[in-house]
Amino acid sequence: MYDYDLLVVGSANADLVIGVERRPGPGETVLGSDLAVHPGGKGANQAVAAARLGARTALLARVGDDAHGRLLLDSQRRAGVDTVGVLVGGAPTGVALITVDPSGDNSIVVSPGANARLAPEDVRAAASLFHASRVVSAQLEIPLETVVEVVRNLADGSRFVLNPSPPQPLPSQVLAACDPLIVNEHEAKVILGDSAVGDRPEDWARILLAKGPRSVVVTLGAEGALVASAEGVSRIPPVTVAAVDTTGAGDAFTAALAYRLGAGASLPEAAAYAARVGAAAVTKEGAQASFPTAEEVGSR
């Protein structure tokens, strides 16, 4: 019996958000809105998103012994996330500088801070969390060597989900563990590198699958998503909403998909549910504050 539906290993950042009419060009200054500070980071976002949906969730991350770290811990606990794996100290809490334009699109610069100190030995020390978790999810806002150690510490029978963001080439042992590898169009092209052939996402998914993952999901924004596995490639239709702020939507999608896979859903079923969760998240401002509950998403 698993104690957790999902263990998230990843980053925890304070999101410093400013609304702008347009992004500045080189050497240009633009005025923005008042600064808003929100709990964020891909790891922390995924943990909160999963917990809001009802998943028994734990987070393995590192924050600083500072106000931003306390903000992040408070947010996790309010959502119902078990923070026993959150380490404190070693560096200031990571910070993401985010600008959001009137269409809801965002640009993000991340200062990793304590996230860069989440080390392989921290993963090894948390072995009990891995053995207690049905699904383990990770991203790349922590050191790649730490993600490699996550793969080495997976319990027999558990499932590994990876969103390689920000993207970089992945070692074969990490690719082989992914079930699924979740990428957007930009991330797919970076990981494919010279292997990228054609303009169709179906082509990218098939080539990515050939590199070793057990399954692949390509998110396509307003065009939905597609899933690829040994059973074939299929499209997941988009969920049309009025976007307010896309910050954190990909994290909500990944968390929802990982949770539903662990609950026994097929990959297309889990991706369709995740698309609804991600769509709901873009209708509100902020990252964690925008994540829906299971009741808000519905079970259809």
C-alpha atoms as a PDB file:
ATOM      1  CA  MET A   1       0.000   0.000   0.000  1.00  0.00           C
ATOM      2  CA  TYR A   2       1.417   3.385  -1.005  1.00  0.00           C
ATOM      3  CA  ASP A   3       1.302   6.284   1.461  1.00  0.00           C
ATOM      4  CA  TYR A   4       1.466   8.833  -1.376  1.00  0.00           C
ATOM      5  CA  ASP A   5      -0.199   9.000  -4.777  1.00  0.00           C
ATOM      6  CA  LEU A   6       2.530  11.377  -5.954  1.00  0.00           C
ATOM      7  CA  LEU A   7       6.014  12.387  -4.836  1.00  0.00           C
ATOM      8  CA  VAL A   8       7.227  15.548  -6.546  1.00  0.00           C
ATOM      9  CA  VAL A   9      10.984  16.138  -6.629  1.00  0.00           C
ATOM     10  CA  GLY A  10      11.797  19.609  -7.846  1.00  0.00           C
ATOM     11  CA  SER A  11      12.044  23.331  -7.442  1.00  0.00           C
ATOM     12  CA  ALA A  12      10.363  25.768  -5.096  1.00  0.00           C
ATOM     13  CA  ASN A  13      10.530  29.452  -6.015  1.00  0.00           C
ATOM     14  CA  ALA A  14       9.016  32.749  -5.000  1.00  0.00           C
ATOM     15  CA  ASP A  15       7.330  34.146  -8.129  1.00  0.00           C
ATOM     16  CA  LEU A  16       7.830  37.913  -8.456  1.00  0.00           C
ATOM     17  CA  VAL A  17       5.205  38.959 -11.004  1.00  0.00           C
ATOM     18  CA  ILE A  18       4.750  42.231 -12.883  1.00  0.00           C
ATOM     19  CA  GLY A  19       2.064  42.896 -15.504  1.00  0.00           C
ATOM     20  CA  VAL A  20       3.279  44.747 -18.624  1.00  0.00           C
ATOM     21  CA  GLU A  21       1.597  46.140 -21.722  1.00  0.00           C
ATOM     22  CA  ARG A  22       4.481  44.699 -23.747  1.00  0.00           C
ATOM     23  CA  ARG A  23       7.870  43.192 -23.041  1.00  0.00           C
ATOM     24  CA  PRO A  24      10.880  45.524 -23.278  1.00  0.00           C
ATOM     25  CA  GLY A  25      13.354  45.248 -26.108  1.00  0.00           C
ATOM     26  CA  PRO A  26      17.153  45.410 -25.617  1.00  0.00           C
ATOM     27  CA  GLY A  27      18.099  48.559 -23.701  1.00  0.00           C
ATOM     28  CA  GLU A  28      14.460  49.554 -23.212  1.00  0.00           C
ATOM     29  CA  THR A  29      12.599  50.268 -19.969  1.00  0.00           C
ATOM     30  CA  VAL A  30       8.834  49.806 -19.655  1.00  0.00           C
ATOM     31  CA  LEU A  31       6.549  50.509 -16.726  1.00  0.00           C
ATOM     32  CA  GLY A  32       4.574  47.682 -15.185  1.00  0.00           C
ATOM     33  CA  SER A  33       2.034  46.968 -12.507  1.00  0.00           C
ATOM     34  CA  ASP A  34       2.654  46.719  -8.776  1.00  0.00           C
ATOM     35  CA  LEU A  35       4.857  43.784  -7.822  1.00  0.00           C
ATOM     36  CA  ALA A  36       2.983  40.656  -6.691  1.00  0.00           C
ATOM     37  CA  VAL A  37       4.755  37.849  -4.830  1.00  0.00           C
ATOM     38  CA  HIS A  38       3.356  34.323  -5.161  1.00  0.00           C
ATOM     39  CA  PRO A  39       4.598  30.849  -4.173  1.00  0.00           C
ATOM     40  CA  GLY A  40       5.830  29.024  -7.281  1.00  0.00           C
ATOM     41  CA  GLY A  41       8.518  26.835  -8.827  1.00  0.00           C
ATOM     42  CA  LYS A  42       7.703  23.862 -11.018  1.00  0.00           C
ATOM     43  CA  GLY A  43       8.090  21.315  -8.232  1.00  0.00           C
ATOM     44  CA  ALA A  44       6.103  23.243  -5.643  1.00  0.00           C
ATOM     45  CA  ASN A  45       3.460  24.068  -8.258  1.00  0.00           C
ATOM     46  CA  GLN A  46       2.999  20.427  -9.201  1.00  0.00           C
ATOM     47  CA  ALA A  47       2.683  19.374  -5.578  1.00  0.00           C
ATOM     48  CA  VAL A  48      -0.008  21.958  -4.832  1.00  0.00           C
ATOM     49  CA  ALA A  49      -1.866  21.197  -8.066  1.00  0.00           C
ATOM     50  CA  ALA A  50      -1.972  17.476  -7.274  1.00  0.00           C
ATOM     51  CA  ALA A  51      -3.033  18.023  -3.658  1.00  0.00           C
ATOM     52  CA  ARG A  52      -5.852  20.346  -4.774  1.00  0.00           C
ATOM     53  CA  LEU A  53      -7.137  17.505  -6.952  1.00  0.00           C
ATOM     54  CA  GLY A  54      -7.199  15.152  -3.972  1.00  0.00           C
ATOM     55  CA  ALA A  55      -3.873  13.357  -4.419  1.00  0.00           C
ATOM     56  CA  ARG A  56      -1.923  12.315  -1.344  1.00  0.00           C
ATOM     57  CA  THR A  57       1.191  14.320  -2.190  1.00  0.00           C
ATOM     58  CA  ALA A  58       4.709  14.794  -0.829  1.00  0.00           C
ATOM     59  CA  LEU A  59       7.378  17.269  -1.955  1.00  0.00           C
ATOM     60  CA  LEU A  60      11.152  16.786  -1.933  1.00  0.00           C
ATOM     61  CA  ALA A  61      12.733  20.219  -2.438  1.00  0.00           C
ATOM     62  CA  ARG A  62      15.046  22.784  -0.831  1.00  0.00           C
ATOM     63  CA  VAL A  63      14.234  26.351   0.214  1.00  0.00           C
ATOM     64  CA  GLY A  64      16.172  29.053   2.021  1.00  0.00           C
ATOM     65  CA  ASP A  65      15.788  29.989   5.659  1.00  0.00           C
ATOM     66  CA  ASP A  66      14.063  33.236   4.685  1.00  0.00           C
ATOM     67  CA  ALA A  67      10.665  34.862   4.152  1.00  0.00           C
ATOM     68  CA  HIS A  68      10.283  33.376   0.680  1.00  0.00           C
ATOM     69  CA  GLY A  69      10.986  29.903   2.047  1.00  0.00           C
ATOM     70  CA  ARG A  70       8.347  30.345   4.754  1.00  0.00           C
ATOM     71  CA  LEU A  71       5.867  31.559   2.125  1.00  0.00           C
ATOM     72  CA  LEU A  72       6.448  28.377   0.119  1.00  0.00           C
ATOM     73  CA  LEU A  73       6.164  26.037   3.097  1.00  0.00           C
ATOM     74  CA  ASP A  74       2.938  27.715   4.224  1.00  0.00           C
ATOM     75  CA  SER A  75       1.445  27.353   0.740  1.00  0.00           C
ATOM     76  CA  GLN A  76       2.302  23.651   0.567  1.00  0.00           C
ATOM     77  CA  ARG A  77       0.812  22.932   3.974  1.00  0.00           C
ATOM     78  CA  ARG A  78      -2.389  24.860   3.236  1.00  0.00           C
ATOM     79  CA  ALA A  79      -2.880  22.731   0.122  1.00  0.00           C
ATOM     80  CA  GLY A  80      -2.391  19.533   2.121  1.00  0.00           C
ATOM     81  CA  VAL A  81       1.074  18.604   0.823  1.00  0.00           C
ATOM     82  CA  ASP A  82       3.338  16.629   3.163  1.00  0.00           C
ATOM     83  CA  THR A  83       6.476  18.784   3.537  1.00  0.00           C
ATOM     84  CA  VAL A  84       8.558  16.240   5.445  1.00  0.00           C
ATOM     85  CA  GLY A  85      10.919  16.146   2.452  1.00  0.00           C
ATOM     86  CA  VAL A  86      11.403  19.923   2.151  1.00  0.00           C
ATOM     87  CA  LEU A  87      14.931  20.849   3.270  1.00  0.00           C
ATOM     88  CA  VAL A  88      15.689  24.328   4.606  1.00  0.00           C
ATOM     89  CA  GLY A  89      18.940  26.287   4.278  1.00  0.00           C
ATOM     90  CA  GLY A  90      22.130  26.258   2.233  1.00  0.00           C
ATOM     91  CA  ALA A  91      21.213  29.217   0.012  1.00  0.00           C
ATOM     92  CA  PRO A  92      18.451  31.803  -0.450  1.00  0.00           C
ATOM     93  CA  THR A  93      15.123  30.527  -1.764  1.00  0.00           C
ATOM     94  CA  GLY A  94      14.930  30.432  -5.547  1.00  0.00           C
ATOM     95  CA  VAL A  95      13.207  33.344  -7.275  1.00  0.00           C
ATOM     96  CA  ALA A  96      11.390  33.578 -10.609  1.00  0.00           C
ATOM     97  CA  LEU A  97      11.049  37.006 -12.249  1.00  0.00           C
ATOM     98  CA  ILE A  98       7.868  36.909 -14.346  1.00  0.00           C
ATOM     99  CA  THR A  99       6.307  39.411 -16.727  1.00  0.00           C
ATOM    100  CA  VAL A 100       2.750  38.854 -17.937  1.00  0.00           C
ATOM    101  CA  ASP A 101       1.297  40.683 -20.960  1.00  0.00           C
ATOM    102  CA  PRO A 102      -2.388  41.492 -21.569  1.00  0.00           C
ATOM    103  CA  SER A 103      -2.921  38.263 -23.539  1.00  0.00           C
ATOM    104  CA  GLY A 104      -1.838  36.201 -20.517  1.00  0.00           C
ATOM    105  CA  ASP A 105       1.473  35.061 -22.019  1.00  0.00           C
ATOM    106  CA  ASN A 106       4.470  35.170 -19.714  1.00  0.00           C
ATOM    107  CA  SER A 107       8.261  35.418 -19.814  1.00  0.00           C
ATOM    108  CA  ILE A 108      10.246  33.983 -16.911  1.00  0.00           C
ATOM    109  CA  VAL A 109      13.830  34.305 -15.641  1.00  0.00           C
ATOM    110  CA  VAL A 110      14.750  31.997 -12.746  1.00  0.00           C
ATOM    111  CA  SER A 111      17.443  32.464 -10.091  1.00  0.00           C
ATOM    112  CA  PRO A 112      17.779  28.883  -8.771  1.00  0.00           C
ATOM    113  CA  GLY A 113      19.090  29.688  -5.294  1.00  0.00           C
ATOM    114  CA  ALA A 114      18.465  26.753  -2.943  1.00  0.00           C
ATOM    115  CA  ASN A 115      17.091  24.658  -5.806  1.00  0.00           C
ATOM    116  CA  ALA A 116      20.618  24.293  -7.168  1.00  0.00           C
ATOM    117  CA  ARG A 117      21.656  22.776  -3.825  1.00  0.00           C
ATOM    118  CA  LEU A 118      19.117  19.932  -3.945  1.00  0.00           C
ATOM    119  CA  ALA A 119      21.758  17.240  -4.318  1.00  0.00           C
ATOM    120  CA  PRO A 120      21.892  13.499  -5.090  1.00  0.00           C
ATOM    121  CA  GLU A 121      22.658  12.771  -1.432  1.00  0.00           C
ATOM    122  CA  ASP A 122      19.363  14.488  -0.517  1.00  0.00           C
ATOM    123  CA  VAL A 123      17.577  12.035  -2.787  1.00  0.00           C
ATOM    124  CA  ARG A 124      19.345   9.059  -1.232  1.00  0.00           C
ATOM    125  CA  ALA A 125      18.467  10.313   2.249  1.00  0.00           C
ATOM    126  CA  ALA A 126      14.779  10.402   1.264  1.00  0.00           C
ATOM    127  CA  ALA A 127      14.621   6.731   0.236  1.00  0.00           C
ATOM    128  CA  SER A 128      11.580   6.110   2.439  1.00  0.00           C
ATOM    129  CA  LEU A 129       9.574   8.690   0.464  1.00  0.00           C
ATOM    130  CA  PHE A 130      10.358   6.930  -2.817  1.00  0.00           C
ATOM    131  CA  HIS A 131       9.308   3.538  -1.476  1.00  0.00           C
ATOM    132  CA  ALA A 132       6.034   5.060  -0.229  1.00  0.00           C
ATOM    133  CA  SER A 133       5.059   6.733  -3.538  1.00  0.00           C
ATOM    134  CA  ARG A 134       3.038   5.333  -6.424  1.00  0.00           C
ATOM    135  CA  VAL A 135       4.232   7.958  -8.931  1.00  0.00           C
ATOM    136  CA  VAL A 136       7.337  10.206  -8.860  1.00  0.00           C
ATOM    137  CA  SER A 137       7.428  13.435 -10.870  1.00  0.00           C
ATOM    138  CA  ALA A 138      10.435  15.660 -11.608  1.00  0.00           C
ATOM    139  CA  GLN A 139      11.473  18.683 -13.691  1.00  0.00           C
ATOM    140  CA  LEU A 140      14.798  20.330 -14.580  1.00  0.00           C
ATOM    141  CA  GLU A 141      14.839  23.396 -12.317  1.00  0.00           C
ATOM    142  CA  ILE A 142      17.043  21.243 -10.062  1.00  0.00           C
ATOM    143  CA  PRO A 143      20.454  19.781 -11.048  1.00  0.00           C
ATOM    144  CA  LEU A 144      20.320  17.070 -13.708  1.00  0.00           C
ATOM    145  CA  GLU A 145      22.565  14.853 -11.554  1.00  0.00           C
ATOM    146  CA  THR A 146      19.830  14.968  -8.899  1.00  0.00           C
ATOM    147  CA  VAL A 147      17.212  13.857 -11.440  1.00  0.00           C
ATOM    148  CA  VAL A 148      19.514  10.980 -12.431  1.00  0.00           C
ATOM    149  CA  GLU A 149      19.660   9.986  -8.761  1.00  0.00           C
ATOM    150  CA  VAL A 150      15.852  10.113  -8.589  1.00  0.00           C
ATOM    151  CA  VAL A 151      15.711   7.540 -11.390  1.00  0.00           C
ATOM    152  CA  ARG A 152      18.201   5.325  -9.559  1.00  0.00           C
ATOM    153  CA  ASN A 153      16.075   5.429  -6.397  1.00  0.00           C
ATOM    154  CA  LEU A 154      12.675   4.632  -7.917  1.00  0.00           C
ATOM    155  CA  ALA A 155      10.896   1.820  -6.098  1.00  0.00           C
ATOM    156  CA  ASP A 156       9.885  -1.308  -7.973  1.00  0.00           C
ATOM    157  CA  GLY A 157       6.445  -0.792  -9.486  1.00  0.00           C
ATOM    158  CA  SER A 158       6.454   3.018  -9.237  1.00  0.00           C
ATOM    159  CA  ARG A 159       6.038   5.271 -12.277  1.00  0.00           C
ATOM    160  CA  PHE A 160       8.319   8.172 -13.269  1.00  0.00           C
ATOM    161  CA  VAL A 161       6.990  11.304 -14.970  1.00  0.00           C
ATOM    162  CA  LEU A 162       9.373  13.992 -16.245  1.00  0.00           C
ATOM    163  CA  ASN A 163       8.731  17.471 -17.601  1.00  0.00           C
ATOM    164  CA  PRO A 164      12.212  18.489 -18.856  1.00  0.00           C
ATOM    165  CA  SER A 165      11.831  22.217 -18.277  1.00  0.00           C
ATOM    166  CA  PRO A 166      13.984  24.184 -18.797  1.00  0.00           C
ATOM    167  CA  PRO A 167      15.035  21.726 -21.518  1.00  0.00           C
ATOM    168  CA  GLN A 168      18.453  20.171 -21.986  1.00  0.00           C
ATOM    169  CA  PRO A 169      19.741  16.916 -23.492  1.00  0.00           C
ATOM    170  CA  LEU A 170      18.879  13.954 -21.283  1.00  0.00           C
ATOM    171  CA  PRO A 171      20.982  10.872 -20.493  1.00  0.00           C
ATOM    172  CA  SER A 172      19.646   7.558 -21.768  1.00  0.00           C
ATOM    173  CA  GLN A 173      18.904   6.190 -18.291  1.00  0.00           C
ATOM    174  CA  VAL A 174      16.589   9.134 -17.556  1.00  0.00           C
ATOM    175  CA  LEU A 175      14.830   8.865 -20.921  1.00  0.00           C
ATOM    176  CA  ALA A 176      14.332   5.124 -20.421  1.00  0.00           C
ATOM    177  CA  ALA A 177      12.572   5.702 -17.082  1.00  0.00           C
ATOM    178  CA  CYS A 178      10.069   8.276 -18.368  1.00  0.00           C
ATOM    179  CA  ASP A 179       6.457   7.094 -18.519  1.00  0.00           C
ATOM    180  CA  PRO A 180       5.653   9.624 -19.829  1.00  0.00           C
ATOM    181  CA  LEU A 181       8.107  12.294 -20.912  1.00  0.00           C
ATOM    182  CA  ILE A 182       5.978  15.481 -21.079  1.00  0.00           C
ATOM    183  CA  VAL A 183       7.209  18.258 -23.388  1.00  0.00           C
ATOM    184  CA  ASN A 184       5.862  21.338 -25.103  1.00  0.00           C
ATOM    185  CA  GLU A 185       6.908  22.197 -28.664  1.00  0.00           C
ATOM    186  CA  HIS A 186      10.033  24.129 -27.593  1.00  0.00           C
ATOM    187  CA  GLU A 187      11.186  21.425 -25.187  1.00  0.00           C
ATOM    188  CA  ALA A 188      10.631  18.720 -27.796  1.00  0.00           C
ATOM    189  CA  LYS A 189      12.857  20.509 -30.306  1.00  0.00           C
ATOM    190  CA  VAL A 190      15.672  21.056 -27.765  1.00  0.00           C
ATOM    191  CA  ILE A 191      15.696  17.405 -26.684  1.00  0.00           C
ATOM    192  CA  LEU A 192      15.480  16.171 -30.266  1.00  0.00           C
ATOM    193  CA  GLY A 193      18.300  18.462 -31.418  1.00  0.00           C
ATOM    194  CA  ASP A 194      19.579  17.294 -34.782  1.00  0.00           C
ATOM    195  CA  SER A 195      17.031  14.468 -34.696  1.00  0.00           C
ATOM    196  CA  ALA A 196      14.150  16.921 -35.191  1.00  0.00           C
ATOM    197  CA  VAL A 197      12.495  16.073 -38.491  1.00  0.00           C
ATOM    198  CA  GLY A 198       9.331  17.627 -39.933  1.00  0.00           C
ATOM    199  CA  ASP A 199       6.901  20.192 -38.573  1.00  0.00           C
ATOM    200  CA  ARG A 200       4.245  17.793 -37.287  1.00  0.00           C
ATOM    201  CA  PRO A 201       4.107  17.136 -33.524  1.00  0.00           C
ATOM    202  CA  GLU A 202       3.245  13.518 -34.360  1.00  0.00           C
ATOM    203  CA  ASP A 203       6.681  13.194 -35.986  1.00  0.00           C
ATOM    204  CA  TRP A 204       8.429  14.684 -32.952  1.00  0.00           C
ATOM    205  CA  ALA A 205       6.546  12.351 -30.619  1.00  0.00           C
ATOM    206  CA  ARG A 206       7.530   9.254 -32.602  1.00  0.00           C
ATOM    207  CA  ILE A 207      11.198  10.276 -32.710  1.00  0.00           C
ATOM    208  CA  LEU A 208      11.192  11.079 -28.998  1.00  0.00           C
ATOM    209  CA  LEU A 209       9.622   7.693 -28.291  1.00  0.00           C
ATOM    210  CA  ALA A 210      12.394   6.016 -30.266  1.00  0.00           C
ATOM    211  CA  LYS A 211      14.951   7.619 -27.925  1.00  0.00           C
ATOM    212  CA  GLY A 212      13.799   5.438 -25.040  1.00  0.00           C
ATOM    213  CA  PRO A 213      10.809   6.794 -23.063  1.00  0.00           C
ATOM    214  CA  ARG A 214       7.993   4.330 -22.454  1.00  0.00           C
ATOM    215  CA  SER A 215       5.521   7.038 -23.445  1.00  0.00           C
ATOM    216  CA  VAL A 216       5.527  10.680 -24.584  1.00  0.00           C
ATOM    217  CA  VAL A 217       3.063  13.566 -24.224  1.00  0.00           C
ATOM    218  CA  VAL A 218       3.447  16.718 -26.334  1.00  0.00           C
ATOM    219  CA  THR A 219       1.421  19.705 -25.122  1.00  0.00           C
ATOM    220  CA  LEU A 220       0.299  22.048 -27.892  1.00  0.00           C
ATOM    221  CA  GLY A 221      -1.254  25.004 -26.074  1.00  0.00           C
ATOM    222  CA  ALA A 222      -4.497  26.081 -27.683  1.00  0.00           C
ATOM    223  CA  GLU A 223      -4.334  23.048 -30.004  1.00  0.00           C
ATOM    224  CA  GLY A 224      -4.552  20.520 -27.168  1.00  0.00           C
ATOM    225  CA  ALA A 225      -1.987  17.745 -26.810  1.00  0.00           C
ATOM    226  CA  LEU A 226      -0.979  14.396 -28.229  1.00  0.00           C
ATOM    227  CA  VAL A 227       0.107  11.165 -26.582  1.00  0.00           C
ATOM    228  CA  ALA A 228       2.428   8.512 -27.972  1.00  0.00           C
ATOM    229  CA  SER A 229       3.254   5.025 -26.752  1.00  0.00           C
ATOM    230  CA  ALA A 230       3.772   1.545 -28.145  1.00  0.00           C
ATOM    231  CA  GLU A 231       0.006   1.552 -28.775  1.00  0.00           C
ATOM    232  CA  GLY A 232       0.270   4.467 -31.228  1.00  0.00           C
ATOM    233  CA  VAL A 233      -0.157   8.243 -31.380  1.00  0.00           C
ATOM    234  CA  SER A 234      -3.430  10.049 -30.661  1.00  0.00           C
ATOM    235  CA  ARG A 235      -4.571  13.666 -30.336  1.00  0.00           C
ATOM    236  CA  ILE A 236      -6.160  15.117 -27.205  1.00  0.00           C
ATOM    237  CA  PRO A 237      -8.602  17.903 -28.170  1.00  0.00           C
ATOM    238  CA  PRO A 238      -8.121  21.380 -26.665  1.00  0.00           C
ATOM    239  CA  VAL A 239     -10.297  22.860 -23.941  1.00  0.00           C
ATOM    240  CA  THR A 240     -11.248  26.399 -25.013  1.00  0.00           C
ATOM    241  CA  VAL A 241     -11.188  29.066 -22.288  1.00  0.00           C
ATOM    242  CA  ALA A 242     -10.433  32.800 -22.012  1.00  0.00           C
ATOM    243  CA  ALA A 243      -6.797  32.910 -20.861  1.00  0.00           C
ATOM    244  CA  VAL A 244      -5.902  35.379 -18.118  1.00  0.00           C
ATOM    245  CA  ASP A 245      -2.447  34.118 -17.055  1.00  0.00           C
ATOM    246  CA  THR A 246      -0.670  30.991 -18.339  1.00  0.00           C
ATOM    247  CA  THR A 247       1.812  30.883 -15.425  1.00  0.00           C
ATOM    248  CA  GLY A 248       1.820  27.397 -13.903  1.00  0.00           C
ATOM    249  CA  ALA A 249      -0.590  25.853 -16.404  1.00  0.00           C
ATOM    250  CA  GLY A 250       1.965  23.312 -17.597  1.00  0.00           C
ATOM    251  CA  ASP A 251       2.688  22.327 -14.004  1.00  0.00           C
ATOM    252  CA  ALA A 252      -1.019  21.808 -13.340  1.00  0.00           C
ATOM    253  CA  PHE A 253      -1.258  19.660 -16.482  1.00  0.00           C
ATOM    254  CA  THR A 254       1.707  17.487 -15.457  1.00  0.00           C
ATOM    255  CA  ALA A 255       0.479  17.027 -11.886  1.00  0.00           C
ATOM    256  CA  ALA A 256      -3.013  16.072 -12.999  1.00  0.00           C
ATOM    257  CA  LEU A 257      -1.706  13.606 -15.562  1.00  0.00           C
ATOM    258  CA  ALA A 258       0.686  11.968 -13.095  1.00  0.00           C
ATOM    259  CA  TYR A 259      -2.043  11.648 -10.467  1.00  0.00           C
ATOM    260  CA  ARG A 260      -4.564  10.094 -12.854  1.00  0.00           C
ATOM    261  CA  LEU A 261      -2.009   7.655 -14.263  1.00  0.00           C
ATOM    262  CA  GLY A 262      -1.277   6.476 -10.748  1.00  0.00           C
ATOM    263  CA  ALA A 263      -5.012   6.008 -10.196  1.00  0.00           C
ATOM    264  CA  GLY A 264      -5.138   3.588 -13.134  1.00  0.00           C
ATOM    265  CA  ALA A 265      -6.261   5.802 -16.033  1.00  0.00           C
ATOM    266  CA  SER A 266      -4.935   5.141 -19.521  1.00  0.00           C
ATOM    267  CA  LEU A 267      -2.525   7.699 -20.979  1.00  0.00           C
ATOM    268  CA  PRO A 268      -5.187   9.293 -23.277  1.00  0.00           C
ATOM    269  CA  GLU A 269      -7.693   9.419 -20.389  1.00  0.00           C
ATOM    270  CA  ALA A 270      -5.157  10.994 -18.046  1.00  0.00           C
ATOM    271  CA  ALA A 271      -4.083  13.540 -20.685  1.00  0.00           C
ATOM    272  CA  ALA A 272      -7.679  14.556 -21.390  1.00  0.00           C
ATOM    273  CA  TYR A 273      -8.259  15.143 -17.680  1.00  0.00           C
ATOM    274  CA  ALA A 274      -4.960  17.040 -17.423  1.00  0.00           C
ATOM    275  CA  ALA A 275      -6.020  19.268 -20.342  1.00  0.00           C
ATOM    276  CA  ARG A 276      -9.116  20.314 -18.394  1.00  0.00           C
ATOM    277  CA  VAL A 277      -7.034  21.051 -15.301  1.00  0.00           C
ATOM    278  CA  GLY A 278      -4.494  23.079 -17.288  1.00  0.00           C
ATOM    279  CA  ALA A 279      -7.294  25.027 -19.012  1.00  0.00           C
ATOM    280  CA  ALA A 280      -8.907  25.872 -15.673  1.00  0.00           C
ATOM    281  CA  ALA A 281      -5.569  27.144 -14.367  1.00  0.00           C
ATOM    282  CA  VAL A 282      -5.166  29.780 -17.106  1.00  0.00           C
ATOM    283  CA  THR A 283      -8.494  31.430 -16.254  1.00  0.00           C
ATOM    284  CA  LYS A 284      -7.084  32.921 -13.023  1.00  0.00           C
ATOM    285  CA  GLU A 285      -4.014  34.978 -12.172  1.00  0.00           C
ATOM    286  CA  GLY A 286      -0.950  33.442 -10.568  1.00  0.00           C
ATOM    287  CA  ALA A 287       0.296  29.889 -10.454  1.00  0.00           C
ATOM    288  CA  GLN A 288      -0.709  28.015  -7.299  1.00  0.00           C
ATOM    289  CA  ALA A 289      -3.652  30.330  -6.605  1.00  0.00           C
ATOM    290  CA  SER A 290      -5.130  29.390  -9.996  1.00  0.00           C
ATOM    291  CA  PHE A 291      -5.097  25.601  -9.571  1.00  0.00           C
ATOM    292  CA  PRO A 292      -8.567  24.031  -9.498  1.00  0.00           C
ATOM    293  CA  THR A 293     -10.028  21.483  -7.121  1.00  0.00           C
ATOM    294  CA  ALA A 294     -11.367  18.138  -8.338  1.00  0.00           C
ATOM    295  CA  GLU A 295     -14.913  19.467  -7.936  1.00  0.00           C
ATOM    296  CA  GLU A 296     -14.157  22.466 -10.163  1.00  0.00           C
ATOM    297  CA  VAL A 297     -12.768  20.258 -12.910  1.00  0.00           C
ATOM    298  CA  GLY A 298     -15.408  17.527 -12.737  1.00  0.00           C
ATOM    299  CA  SER A 299     -14.951  13.848 -13.578  1.00  0.00           C
ATOM    300  CA  ARG A 300     -16.145  13.810 -17.185  1.00  0.00           C
END
